[in-house]
């Protein structure tokens, strides 16, 4: 369709008798029509018509997001930055993946200047901790823990405040670019990282980004699990996949919207989660509770 034809089609949304059919026709055109809908919104003086256009734009954006998430899943879900960007774009459709990439790359460069090939793993982590928590002052958003903003990667990079998962994701993305053997670990109520050295004599240890990179031993993790009165499980001590991380991020976001009394958004996030898993609801044993 030409631009003129698209604009004429959108103008027919004003006619209540044929609006439903026009609505369906517009949906078949996909996200490419969104700029024309936005232009029509700006030109309209009718609040009801503006709301209809907003709803239509959101529907098209959400359909596109679901499709991109399926593509990411089917590709193996290996690109963690892309997966978190897709989650980010639920609230912020215009979020720039390359801007996220540049922000992570800047952190990587600053950490790289402090690293040496002969450094002990503990010293490598301390160098990364220095950049993340001393220089850039990333920290826990304890005052507004359940805010959806804590799951939005671009906002966490801007404000330096986040939940356990997003803080760990940023740390993990930087570590991966430095070729450090650091991985995510799905602990109950708290997401942490694990340094799993390929050198046999170096014992694995854990990193709590929600507590400014505090280093933990396996015994510390065992005590933490025992305090929760849970049976020990291998997944509490072993690396998880990037797909697992994005699933958990979606569960956190869904819980945030439920806490903020926004059920419609929680339902939509549940649909995104269903694309990555057989279940559409949160699993309470992996939610971030805000407790250390």
C-alpha atoms as a PDB file:
ATOM      1  CA  UNK A   1       0.000   0.000   0.000  1.00  0.00           C
ATOM      2  CA  UNK A   2       1.113   3.559  -0.670  1.00  0.00           C
ATOM      3  CA  UNK A   3       1.449   6.078   2.136  1.00  0.00           C
ATOM      4  CA  UNK A   4      -1.683   7.815   0.872  1.00  0.00           C
ATOM      5  CA  UNK A   5      -3.669   4.581   0.953  1.00  0.00           C
ATOM      6  CA  UNK A   6      -2.458   3.797   4.486  1.00  0.00           C
ATOM      7  CA  UNK A   7      -3.510   7.219   5.750  1.00  0.00           C
ATOM      8  CA  UNK A   8      -6.907   6.831   4.093  1.00  0.00           C
ATOM      9  CA  UNK A   9      -7.325   3.436   5.740  1.00  0.00           C
ATOM     10  CA  UNK A  10      -6.495   4.848   9.176  1.00  0.00           C
ATOM     11  CA  UNK A  11      -8.973   7.692   8.696  1.00  0.00           C
ATOM     12  CA  UNK A  12     -11.742   5.098   8.359  1.00  0.00           C
ATOM     13  CA  UNK A  13     -11.243   4.163  12.016  1.00  0.00           C
ATOM     14  CA  UNK A  14     -13.437   7.194  12.784  1.00  0.00           C
ATOM     15  CA  UNK A  15     -16.436   5.410  11.265  1.00  0.00           C
ATOM     16  CA  UNK A  16     -17.936   3.218  14.030  1.00  0.00           C
ATOM     17  CA  UNK A  17     -19.783   1.019  11.521  1.00  0.00           C
ATOM     18  CA  UNK A  18     -16.679  -0.227   9.761  1.00  0.00           C
ATOM     19  CA  UNK A  19     -14.049   0.427  12.458  1.00  0.00           C
ATOM     20  CA  UNK A  20     -13.817  -3.261  13.531  1.00  0.00           C
ATOM     21  CA  UNK A  21     -13.058  -4.397   9.976  1.00  0.00           C
ATOM     22  CA  UNK A  22     -10.540  -1.588   9.500  1.00  0.00           C
ATOM     23  CA  UNK A  23      -8.939  -2.503  12.823  1.00  0.00           C
ATOM     24  CA  UNK A  24      -8.444  -6.091  11.625  1.00  0.00           C
ATOM     25  CA  UNK A  25      -7.067  -4.906   8.275  1.00  0.00           C
ATOM     26  CA  UNK A  26      -4.546  -2.635   9.990  1.00  0.00           C
ATOM     27  CA  UNK A  27      -3.380  -5.478  12.235  1.00  0.00           C
ATOM     28  CA  UNK A  28      -2.438  -7.526   9.177  1.00  0.00           C
ATOM     29  CA  UNK A  29      -0.044  -4.758   8.114  1.00  0.00           C
ATOM     30  CA  UNK A  30       2.101  -5.240  11.208  1.00  0.00           C
ATOM     31  CA  UNK A  31       4.483  -2.827  12.912  1.00  0.00           C
ATOM     32  CA  UNK A  32       5.340  -0.976   9.694  1.00  0.00           C
ATOM     33  CA  UNK A  33       2.117   0.983  10.029  1.00  0.00           C
ATOM     34  CA  UNK A  34       2.901   2.297  13.539  1.00  0.00           C
ATOM     35  CA  UNK A  35       4.514   5.606  12.378  1.00  0.00           C
ATOM     36  CA  UNK A  36       1.300   6.414  10.470  1.00  0.00           C
ATOM     37  CA  UNK A  37      -0.816   5.597  13.526  1.00  0.00           C
ATOM     38  CA  UNK A  38       1.400   7.834  15.666  1.00  0.00           C
ATOM     39  CA  UNK A  39       1.027  10.650  13.148  1.00  0.00           C
ATOM     40  CA  UNK A  40      -2.749  10.213  13.206  1.00  0.00           C
ATOM     41  CA  UNK A  41      -2.676  10.325  17.017  1.00  0.00           C
ATOM     42  CA  UNK A  42      -0.824  13.644  16.935  1.00  0.00           C
ATOM     43  CA  UNK A  43      -3.344  15.100  14.504  1.00  0.00           C
ATOM     44  CA  UNK A  44      -6.408  13.914  16.408  1.00  0.00           C
ATOM     45  CA  UNK A  45      -8.237  16.121  18.914  1.00  0.00           C
ATOM     46  CA  UNK A  46     -10.563  13.344  20.065  1.00  0.00           C
ATOM     47  CA  UNK A  47      -9.376  11.688  23.321  1.00  0.00           C
ATOM     48  CA  UNK A  48     -11.371   8.533  22.589  1.00  0.00           C
ATOM     49  CA  UNK A  49      -9.873   8.215  19.134  1.00  0.00           C
ATOM     50  CA  UNK A  50      -6.410   8.810  20.574  1.00  0.00           C
ATOM     51  CA  UNK A  51      -6.997   6.002  23.076  1.00  0.00           C
ATOM     52  CA  UNK A  52      -8.108   3.657  20.287  1.00  0.00           C
ATOM     53  CA  UNK A  53      -4.954   4.498  18.348  1.00  0.00           C
ATOM     54  CA  UNK A  54      -2.796   3.941  21.445  1.00  0.00           C
ATOM     55  CA  UNK A  55      -4.402   0.544  21.994  1.00  0.00           C
ATOM     56  CA  UNK A  56      -3.841  -0.397  18.376  1.00  0.00           C
ATOM     57  CA  UNK A  57      -0.192   0.706  18.473  1.00  0.00           C
ATOM     58  CA  UNK A  58       0.397  -1.287  21.642  1.00  0.00           C
ATOM     59  CA  UNK A  59      -1.248  -4.357  20.126  1.00  0.00           C
ATOM     60  CA  UNK A  60       0.993  -4.182  17.058  1.00  0.00           C
ATOM     61  CA  UNK A  61       4.116  -3.631  19.166  1.00  0.00           C
ATOM     62  CA  UNK A  62       3.219  -6.531  21.454  1.00  0.00           C
ATOM     63  CA  UNK A  63       2.589  -8.860  18.516  1.00  0.00           C
ATOM     64  CA  UNK A  64       5.981  -7.904  17.077  1.00  0.00           C
ATOM     65  CA  UNK A  65       7.689  -8.434  20.419  1.00  0.00           C
ATOM     66  CA  UNK A  66       6.206 -11.908  20.765  1.00  0.00           C
ATOM     67  CA  UNK A  67       7.489 -12.834  17.328  1.00  0.00           C
ATOM     68  CA  UNK A  68      10.998 -11.534  18.067  1.00  0.00           C
ATOM     69  CA  UNK A  69      11.028 -13.439  21.347  1.00  0.00           C
ATOM     70  CA  UNK A  70      10.127 -16.649  19.503  1.00  0.00           C
ATOM     71  CA  UNK A  71      12.983 -16.060  17.071  1.00  0.00           C
ATOM     72  CA  UNK A  72      15.377 -15.488  19.987  1.00  0.00           C
ATOM     73  CA  UNK A  73      14.150 -18.671  21.678  1.00  0.00           C
ATOM     74  CA  UNK A  74      14.439 -20.733  18.507  1.00  0.00           C
ATOM     75  CA  UNK A  75      17.979 -19.477  17.937  1.00  0.00           C
ATOM     76  CA  UNK A  76      18.948 -21.050  21.265  1.00  0.00           C
ATOM     77  CA  UNK A  77      18.575 -17.982  23.477  1.00  0.00           C
ATOM     78  CA  UNK A  78      22.354 -17.583  23.628  1.00  0.00           C
ATOM     79  CA  UNK A  79      22.537 -13.805  23.295  1.00  0.00           C
ATOM     80  CA  UNK A  80      21.735 -12.631  26.822  1.00  0.00           C
ATOM     81  CA  UNK A  81      21.901  -8.918  25.976  1.00  0.00           C
ATOM     82  CA  UNK A  82      19.367  -9.384  23.185  1.00  0.00           C
ATOM     83  CA  UNK A  83      17.060 -11.391  25.442  1.00  0.00           C
ATOM     84  CA  UNK A  84      17.086  -8.707  28.139  1.00  0.00           C
ATOM     85  CA  UNK A  85      16.615  -6.009  25.491  1.00  0.00           C
ATOM     86  CA  UNK A  86      13.496  -7.805  24.269  1.00  0.00           C
ATOM     87  CA  UNK A  87      12.121  -7.774  27.814  1.00  0.00           C
ATOM     88  CA  UNK A  88      13.116  -4.108  28.045  1.00  0.00           C
ATOM     89  CA  UNK A  89      11.147  -3.309  24.899  1.00  0.00           C
ATOM     90  CA  UNK A  90       7.880  -4.464  26.471  1.00  0.00           C
ATOM     91  CA  UNK A  91       7.782  -1.203  28.431  1.00  0.00           C
ATOM     92  CA  UNK A  92      10.051   0.779  26.124  1.00  0.00           C
ATOM     93  CA  UNK A  93       9.521  -0.253  22.470  1.00  0.00           C
ATOM     94  CA  UNK A  94      12.067   2.325  21.304  1.00  0.00           C
ATOM     95  CA  UNK A  95      14.865   0.987  23.537  1.00  0.00           C
ATOM     96  CA  UNK A  96      18.105   0.892  21.544  1.00  0.00           C
ATOM     97  CA  UNK A  97      20.001  -2.405  21.569  1.00  0.00           C
ATOM     98  CA  UNK A  98      23.165  -0.722  20.340  1.00  0.00           C
ATOM     99  CA  UNK A  99      22.995   1.832  23.157  1.00  0.00           C
ATOM    100  CA  UNK A 100      22.845  -1.035  25.651  1.00  0.00           C
ATOM    101  CA  UNK A 101      25.776  -2.663  23.907  1.00  0.00           C
ATOM    102  CA  UNK A 102      27.850   0.527  24.104  1.00  0.00           C
ATOM    103  CA  UNK A 103      27.132   0.929  27.822  1.00  0.00           C
ATOM    104  CA  UNK A 104      28.249  -2.637  28.554  1.00  0.00           C
ATOM    105  CA  UNK A 105      31.293  -2.212  26.337  1.00  0.00           C
ATOM    106  CA  UNK A 106      32.346   0.892  28.279  1.00  0.00           C
ATOM    107  CA  UNK A 107      32.214  -1.071  31.531  1.00  0.00           C
ATOM    108  CA  UNK A 108      34.198  -3.875  29.914  1.00  0.00           C
ATOM    109  CA  UNK A 109      36.917  -1.485  28.793  1.00  0.00           C
ATOM    110  CA  UNK A 110      37.268   0.059  32.241  1.00  0.00           C
ATOM    111  CA  UNK A 111      37.549  -3.372  33.859  1.00  0.00           C
ATOM    112  CA  UNK A 112      39.973  -4.579  31.177  1.00  0.00           C
ATOM    113  CA  UNK A 113      42.431  -1.793  32.075  1.00  0.00           C
ATOM    114  CA  UNK A 114      42.677  -3.256  35.605  1.00  0.00           C
ATOM    115  CA  UNK A 115      43.080  -6.921  34.652  1.00  0.00           C
ATOM    116  CA  UNK A 116      46.314  -8.837  34.076  1.00  0.00           C
ATOM    117  CA  UNK A 117      46.704 -12.362  32.652  1.00  0.00           C
ATOM    118  CA  UNK A 118      48.431 -13.633  35.806  1.00  0.00           C
ATOM    119  CA  UNK A 119      45.803 -12.377  38.258  1.00  0.00           C
ATOM    120  CA  UNK A 120      44.174 -14.813  40.664  1.00  0.00           C
ATOM    121  CA  UNK A 121      40.413 -15.301  40.084  1.00  0.00           C
ATOM    122  CA  UNK A 122      39.618 -13.563  43.387  1.00  0.00           C
ATOM    123  CA  UNK A 123      41.651 -10.538  42.285  1.00  0.00           C
ATOM    124  CA  UNK A 124      39.922 -10.516  38.899  1.00  0.00           C
ATOM    125  CA  UNK A 125      36.569 -10.340  40.657  1.00  0.00           C
ATOM    126  CA  UNK A 126      37.799  -7.579  42.947  1.00  0.00           C
ATOM    127  CA  UNK A 127      38.873  -5.570  39.892  1.00  0.00           C
ATOM    128  CA  UNK A 128      35.448  -6.007  38.325  1.00  0.00           C
ATOM    129  CA  UNK A 129      33.808  -5.167  41.672  1.00  0.00           C
ATOM    130  CA  UNK A 130      35.848  -1.960  41.801  1.00  0.00           C
ATOM    131  CA  UNK A 131      34.522  -0.797  38.423  1.00  0.00           C
ATOM    132  CA  UNK A 132      30.926  -1.852  39.055  1.00  0.00           C
ATOM    133  CA  UNK A 133      30.419  -0.903  42.693  1.00  0.00           C
ATOM    134  CA  UNK A 134      33.090   1.680  43.511  1.00  0.00           C
ATOM    135  CA  UNK A 135      33.498   3.641  40.289  1.00  0.00           C
ATOM    136  CA  UNK A 136      29.972   3.384  38.861  1.00  0.00           C
ATOM    137  CA  UNK A 137      28.238   2.729  42.188  1.00  0.00           C
ATOM    138  CA  UNK A 138      25.763   0.100  41.029  1.00  0.00           C
ATOM    139  CA  UNK A 139      23.629  -0.887  43.999  1.00  0.00           C
ATOM    140  CA  UNK A 140      20.398  -2.474  45.171  1.00  0.00           C
ATOM    141  CA  UNK A 141      17.182  -0.537  44.764  1.00  0.00           C
ATOM    142  CA  UNK A 142      15.933  -1.420  48.235  1.00  0.00           C
ATOM    143  CA  UNK A 143      13.605   1.592  48.543  1.00  0.00           C
ATOM    144  CA  UNK A 144      11.480   0.593  45.548  1.00  0.00           C
ATOM    145  CA  UNK A 145      12.310  -3.073  45.127  1.00  0.00           C
ATOM    146  CA  UNK A 146       9.216  -4.117  43.175  1.00  0.00           C
ATOM    147  CA  UNK A 147       9.320  -1.292  40.648  1.00  0.00           C
ATOM    148  CA  UNK A 148       9.176  -2.597  37.050  1.00  0.00           C
ATOM    149  CA  UNK A 149      12.081  -0.220  36.336  1.00  0.00           C
ATOM    150  CA  UNK A 150      14.373  -2.632  38.180  1.00  0.00           C
ATOM    151  CA  UNK A 151      13.882  -5.133  35.360  1.00  0.00           C
ATOM    152  CA  UNK A 152      14.543  -2.600  32.585  1.00  0.00           C
ATOM    153  CA  UNK A 153      18.196  -2.970  31.615  1.00  0.00           C
ATOM    154  CA  UNK A 154      18.573   0.485  30.084  1.00  0.00           C
ATOM    155  CA  UNK A 155      17.153   2.126  33.215  1.00  0.00           C
ATOM    156  CA  UNK A 156      19.398   0.119  35.519  1.00  0.00           C
ATOM    157  CA  UNK A 157      22.407   1.156  33.418  1.00  0.00           C
ATOM    158  CA  UNK A 158      21.283   4.798  33.701  1.00  0.00           C
ATOM    159  CA  UNK A 159      20.266   4.935  37.366  1.00  0.00           C
ATOM    160  CA  UNK A 160      22.765   2.332  38.682  1.00  0.00           C
ATOM    161  CA  UNK A 161      19.911   0.839  40.730  1.00  0.00           C
ATOM    162  CA  UNK A 162      18.378  -2.574  40.167  1.00  0.00           C
ATOM    163  CA  UNK A 163      17.256  -5.895  41.551  1.00  0.00           C
ATOM    164  CA  UNK A 164      19.551  -8.924  42.092  1.00  0.00           C
ATOM    165  CA  UNK A 165      18.952 -10.257  38.592  1.00  0.00           C
ATOM    166  CA  UNK A 166      19.575  -7.119  36.542  1.00  0.00           C
ATOM    167  CA  UNK A 167      22.674  -6.215  38.562  1.00  0.00           C
ATOM    168  CA  UNK A 168      23.997  -9.730  37.971  1.00  0.00           C
ATOM    169  CA  UNK A 169      23.131  -9.570  34.271  1.00  0.00           C
ATOM    170  CA  UNK A 170      25.185  -6.410  33.759  1.00  0.00           C
ATOM    171  CA  UNK A 171      28.080  -7.893  35.732  1.00  0.00           C
ATOM    172  CA  UNK A 172      27.791 -11.140  33.757  1.00  0.00           C
ATOM    173  CA  UNK A 173      27.716  -9.390  30.380  1.00  0.00           C
ATOM    174  CA  UNK A 174      30.906  -7.512  31.268  1.00  0.00           C
ATOM    175  CA  UNK A 175      32.600 -10.678  32.594  1.00  0.00           C
ATOM    176  CA  UNK A 176      31.756 -12.627  29.452  1.00  0.00           C
ATOM    177  CA  UNK A 177      33.396  -9.975  27.280  1.00  0.00           C
ATOM    178  CA  UNK A 178      36.491 -10.292  29.445  1.00  0.00           C
ATOM    179  CA  UNK A 179      36.453 -14.083  28.922  1.00  0.00           C
ATOM    180  CA  UNK A 180      36.053 -14.695  32.647  1.00  0.00           C
ATOM    181  CA  UNK A 181      34.393 -18.035  33.558  1.00  0.00           C
ATOM    182  CA  UNK A 182      31.457 -16.421  35.346  1.00  0.00           C
ATOM    183  CA  UNK A 183      27.890 -17.750  35.079  1.00  0.00           C
ATOM    184  CA  UNK A 184      24.429 -17.138  36.509  1.00  0.00           C
ATOM    185  CA  UNK A 185      23.046 -19.293  39.323  1.00  0.00           C
ATOM    186  CA  UNK A 186      19.322 -19.687  40.062  1.00  0.00           C
ATOM    187  CA  UNK A 187      19.166 -19.467  43.846  1.00  0.00           C
ATOM    188  CA  UNK A 188      15.758 -19.222  45.535  1.00  0.00           C
ATOM    189  CA  UNK A 189      14.806 -15.576  46.181  1.00  0.00           C
ATOM    190  CA  UNK A 190      18.237 -14.318  45.156  1.00  0.00           C
ATOM    191  CA  UNK A 191      20.102 -14.501  41.862  1.00  0.00           C
ATOM    192  CA  UNK A 192      23.895 -14.771  42.152  1.00  0.00           C
ATOM    193  CA  UNK A 193      26.895 -15.458  39.939  1.00  0.00           C
ATOM    194  CA  UNK A 194      29.447 -18.247  40.011  1.00  0.00           C
ATOM    195  CA  UNK A 195      33.149 -18.168  39.147  1.00  0.00           C
ATOM    196  CA  UNK A 196      33.889 -21.651  37.813  1.00  0.00           C
ATOM    197  CA  UNK A 197      37.560 -21.750  36.905  1.00  0.00           C
ATOM    198  CA  UNK A 198      38.782 -24.383  34.420  1.00  0.00           C
ATOM    199  CA  UNK A 199      41.822 -24.777  36.684  1.00  0.00           C
ATOM    200  CA  UNK A 200      41.100 -27.796  38.940  1.00  0.00           C
ATOM    201  CA  UNK A 201      42.869 -26.418  42.013  1.00  0.00           C
ATOM    202  CA  UNK A 202      40.732 -23.241  42.023  1.00  0.00           C
ATOM    203  CA  UNK A 203      37.555 -23.877  43.995  1.00  0.00           C
ATOM    204  CA  UNK A 204      34.362 -22.411  42.516  1.00  0.00           C
ATOM    205  CA  UNK A 205      32.987 -19.419  44.402  1.00  0.00           C
ATOM    206  CA  UNK A 206      29.937 -17.203  44.167  1.00  0.00           C
ATOM    207  CA  UNK A 207      29.350 -13.470  43.742  1.00  0.00           C
ATOM    208  CA  UNK A 208      26.396 -11.589  45.259  1.00  0.00           C
ATOM    209  CA  UNK A 209      25.925  -8.482  43.117  1.00  0.00           C
ATOM    210  CA  UNK A 210      23.026  -7.363  45.294  1.00  0.00           C
ATOM    211  CA  UNK A 211      25.569  -6.935  48.078  1.00  0.00           C
ATOM    212  CA  UNK A 212      28.231  -5.103  46.029  1.00  0.00           C
ATOM    213  CA  UNK A 213      29.984  -8.221  44.755  1.00  0.00           C
ATOM    214  CA  UNK A 214      30.317 -10.032  48.061  1.00  0.00           C
ATOM    215  CA  UNK A 215      32.187 -13.314  47.504  1.00  0.00           C
ATOM    216  CA  UNK A 216      30.503 -16.434  48.884  1.00  0.00           C
ATOM    217  CA  UNK A 217      31.674 -20.028  49.263  1.00  0.00           C
ATOM    218  CA  UNK A 218      29.644 -23.151  48.563  1.00  0.00           C
ATOM    219  CA  UNK A 219      29.205 -23.504  52.319  1.00  0.00           C
ATOM    220  CA  UNK A 220      27.672 -20.018  52.425  1.00  0.00           C
ATOM    221  CA  UNK A 221      25.190 -21.065  49.746  1.00  0.00           C
ATOM    222  CA  UNK A 222      24.373 -24.261  51.648  1.00  0.00           C
ATOM    223  CA  UNK A 223      23.680 -22.243  54.797  1.00  0.00           C
ATOM    224  CA  UNK A 224      21.491 -19.828  52.821  1.00  0.00           C
ATOM    225  CA  UNK A 225      19.400 -22.676  51.390  1.00  0.00           C
ATOM    226  CA  UNK A 226      19.115 -24.284  54.844  1.00  0.00           C
ATOM    227  CA  UNK A 227      17.833 -21.005  56.306  1.00  0.00           C
ATOM    228  CA  UNK A 228      15.023 -21.107  53.766  1.00  0.00           C
ATOM    229  CA  UNK A 229      14.133 -24.621  54.954  1.00  0.00           C
ATOM    230  CA  UNK A 230      14.567 -25.962  51.430  1.00  0.00           C
ATOM    231  CA  UNK A 231      15.970 -29.276  50.315  1.00  0.00           C
ATOM    232  CA  UNK A 232      19.331 -28.855  48.627  1.00  0.00           C
ATOM    233  CA  UNK A 233      19.211 -28.997  44.836  1.00  0.00           C
ATOM    234  CA  UNK A 234      22.009 -29.059  42.246  1.00  0.00           C
ATOM    235  CA  UNK A 235      20.520 -26.039  40.444  1.00  0.00           C
ATOM    236  CA  UNK A 236      21.352 -23.924  43.512  1.00  0.00           C
ATOM    237  CA  UNK A 237      25.071 -24.512  42.910  1.00  0.00           C
ATOM    238  CA  UNK A 238      25.463 -24.895  39.146  1.00  0.00           C
ATOM    239  CA  UNK A 239      25.360 -22.463  36.200  1.00  0.00           C
ATOM    240  CA  UNK A 240      22.024 -21.799  34.528  1.00  0.00           C
ATOM    241  CA  UNK A 241      21.367 -20.944  30.874  1.00  0.00           C
ATOM    242  CA  UNK A 242      20.695 -17.516  29.406  1.00  0.00           C
ATOM    243  CA  UNK A 243      17.201 -18.755  28.636  1.00  0.00           C
ATOM    244  CA  UNK A 244      16.749 -19.465  32.353  1.00  0.00           C
ATOM    245  CA  UNK A 245      17.895 -15.923  33.171  1.00  0.00           C
ATOM    246  CA  UNK A 246      15.397 -14.255  30.827  1.00  0.00           C
ATOM    247  CA  UNK A 247      12.623 -16.525  32.104  1.00  0.00           C
ATOM    248  CA  UNK A 248      13.412 -15.407  35.633  1.00  0.00           C
ATOM    249  CA  UNK A 249      13.541 -11.773  34.548  1.00  0.00           C
ATOM    250  CA  UNK A 250      10.057 -12.127  33.055  1.00  0.00           C
ATOM    251  CA  UNK A 251       8.761 -13.695  36.267  1.00  0.00           C
ATOM    252  CA  UNK A 252      10.221 -10.793  38.233  1.00  0.00           C
ATOM    253  CA  UNK A 253       8.585  -8.272  35.887  1.00  0.00           C
ATOM    254  CA  UNK A 254       5.233 -10.048  36.105  1.00  0.00           C
ATOM    255  CA  UNK A 255       5.443  -9.979  39.901  1.00  0.00           C
ATOM    256  CA  UNK A 256       6.311  -6.273  39.803  1.00  0.00           C
ATOM    257  CA  UNK A 257       3.188  -5.455  37.800  1.00  0.00           C
ATOM    258  CA  UNK A 258       1.084  -7.549  40.166  1.00  0.00           C
ATOM    259  CA  UNK A 259       2.532  -5.646  43.139  1.00  0.00           C
ATOM    260  CA  UNK A 260       1.888  -2.345  41.351  1.00  0.00           C
ATOM    261  CA  UNK A 261      -1.763  -3.301  40.716  1.00  0.00           C
ATOM    262  CA  UNK A 262      -1.365  -3.466  36.941  1.00  0.00           C
ATOM    263  CA  UNK A 263      -2.945  -6.858  36.164  1.00  0.00           C
ATOM    264  CA  UNK A 264      -3.293  -6.310  32.408  1.00  0.00           C
ATOM    265  CA  UNK A 265       0.458  -5.794  32.051  1.00  0.00           C
ATOM    266  CA  UNK A 266       1.140  -8.790  34.285  1.00  0.00           C
ATOM    267  CA  UNK A 267      -1.029 -10.918  31.994  1.00  0.00           C
ATOM    268  CA  UNK A 268       0.841  -9.749  28.910  1.00  0.00           C
ATOM    269  CA  UNK A 269       4.217 -10.498  30.515  1.00  0.00           C
ATOM    270  CA  UNK A 270       2.807 -13.923  31.344  1.00  0.00           C
ATOM    271  CA  UNK A 271       2.198 -14.431  27.629  1.00  0.00           C
ATOM    272  CA  UNK A 272       5.828 -13.564  26.932  1.00  0.00           C
ATOM    273  CA  UNK A 273       6.920 -16.011  29.608  1.00  0.00           C
ATOM    274  CA  UNK A 274       4.734 -18.710  28.053  1.00  0.00           C
ATOM    275  CA  UNK A 275       6.758 -18.359  24.852  1.00  0.00           C
ATOM    276  CA  UNK A 276       9.907 -19.363  26.760  1.00  0.00           C
ATOM    277  CA  UNK A 277       8.368 -21.971  29.037  1.00  0.00           C
ATOM    278  CA  UNK A 278       5.411 -24.306  29.318  1.00  0.00           C
ATOM    279  CA  UNK A 279       4.103 -22.382  32.305  1.00  0.00           C
ATOM    280  CA  UNK A 280       2.532 -18.938  32.154  1.00  0.00           C
ATOM    281  CA  UNK A 281       2.659 -18.096  35.858  1.00  0.00           C
ATOM    282  CA  UNK A 282       5.487 -17.300  38.289  1.00  0.00           C
ATOM    283  CA  UNK A 283       7.310 -19.950  40.255  1.00  0.00           C
ATOM    284  CA  UNK A 284       7.684 -18.658  43.775  1.00  0.00           C
ATOM    285  CA  UNK A 285      10.905 -20.479  44.487  1.00  0.00           C
ATOM    286  CA  UNK A 286      12.884 -18.356  42.032  1.00  0.00           C
ATOM    287  CA  UNK A 287      11.381 -14.908  42.569  1.00  0.00           C
ATOM    288  CA  UNK A 288      13.506 -12.110  43.978  1.00  0.00           C
ATOM    289  CA  UNK A 289      12.086 -11.424  47.428  1.00  0.00           C
ATOM    290  CA  UNK A 290      14.233  -8.461  48.366  1.00  0.00           C
ATOM    291  CA  UNK A 291      15.682 -10.320  51.310  1.00  0.00           C
ATOM    292  CA  UNK A 292      19.395 -10.938  51.632  1.00  0.00           C
END
